[in-house]
Protein backbone atom coordinates (compact mmCIF):
# COMPACT_ATOMS: atom_id res chain seq x y z
CA MET A 1 -4.28 12.58 0.90
CA PRO A 2 -5.16 9.23 2.68
CA SER A 3 -8.76 8.18 2.49
CA PRO A 4 -10.71 7.08 5.48
CA HIS A 5 -11.56 4.07 3.63
CA PHE A 6 -8.13 2.72 3.15
CA ALA A 7 -4.97 2.39 5.27
CA LEU A 8 -1.37 1.42 4.85
CA ALA A 9 0.66 -0.07 7.98
CA THR A 10 4.37 -1.05 7.72
CA THR A 11 6.48 -3.27 9.58
CA ALA A 12 10.31 -3.49 9.01
CA ALA A 13 12.76 -6.01 10.24
CA SER A 14 16.22 -7.55 9.12
CA GLY A 15 16.07 -5.64 5.66
CA ARG A 16 12.35 -6.79 4.99
CA LEU A 17 9.36 -4.51 4.80
CA ILE A 18 5.98 -5.76 5.14
CA VAL A 19 3.33 -3.42 3.73
CA THR A 20 -0.07 -4.34 4.89
CA ALA A 21 -3.11 -2.73 3.05
CA HIS A 22 -6.65 -2.61 4.48
CA GLY A 23 -9.89 -1.27 2.93
CA ARG A 24 -10.67 -0.23 -0.68
CA LEU A 25 -7.65 -0.07 -3.04
CA VAL A 26 -9.65 1.86 -5.70
CA VAL A 27 -9.56 5.01 -7.51
CA GLY A 28 -10.33 7.78 -5.04
CA HIS A 29 -9.31 5.88 -2.06
CA GLY A 30 -6.24 3.49 -1.79
CA ALA A 31 -5.21 3.93 -5.59
CA ASP A 32 -3.06 6.83 -4.77
CA ALA A 33 0.51 6.39 -5.83
CA GLY A 34 1.57 9.26 -3.59
CA HIS A 35 0.22 7.86 -0.48
CA TRP A 36 2.15 4.51 -1.33
CA ARG A 37 5.15 6.36 -2.00
CA ALA A 38 5.12 8.42 1.39
CA CYS A 39 4.52 5.06 3.20
CA LEU A 40 7.48 3.33 1.52
CA ALA A 41 10.08 6.26 1.38
CA PRO A 42 11.12 6.28 4.94
CA HIS A 43 12.40 2.57 4.73
CA ASP A 44 15.38 1.16 3.18
CA ALA A 45 14.38 -2.40 2.57
CA SER A 46 15.85 -4.81 -0.04
CA ASP A 47 12.75 -7.12 0.24
CA VAL A 48 9.19 -5.78 0.18
CA LEU A 49 6.21 -8.07 1.01
CA VAL A 50 2.72 -6.48 0.25
CA ASP A 51 -0.24 -8.18 2.36
CA LEU A 52 -3.39 -7.55 0.38
CA ALA A 53 -5.43 -9.76 2.81
CA GLY A 54 -7.27 -6.92 4.16
CA VAL A 55 -8.35 -5.20 0.90
CA THR A 56 -12.05 -5.28 0.35
CA ALA A 57 -12.26 -3.99 -3.21
CA LEU A 58 -9.90 -3.67 -6.13
CA ASP A 59 -10.09 -1.74 -9.55
CA ALA A 60 -7.82 -1.04 -12.40
CA GLY A 61 -6.67 2.13 -10.51
CA GLY A 62 -5.51 -0.17 -7.59
CA VAL A 63 -3.77 -2.70 -9.90
CA GLY A 64 -1.82 0.18 -11.49
CA VAL A 65 -0.55 1.34 -8.12
CA LEU A 66 0.51 -2.08 -7.35
CA ALA A 67 2.32 -2.55 -10.77
CA GLY A 68 3.96 0.72 -10.83
């Protein structure tokens, strides 16, 4: 379930997907692989760009989601 302290937004164009993250990318908030999968699943993009400029906190769980 998405956290009120974290949000993902997607923009798709010309085979590229831009995923913009906002808030706390930490265990219990944005570090939820299911939330990321649900956000990415509807898109068929060969090129994915992740914008982390809006991330205000990051822990090992968040890094794990990004690496996975």
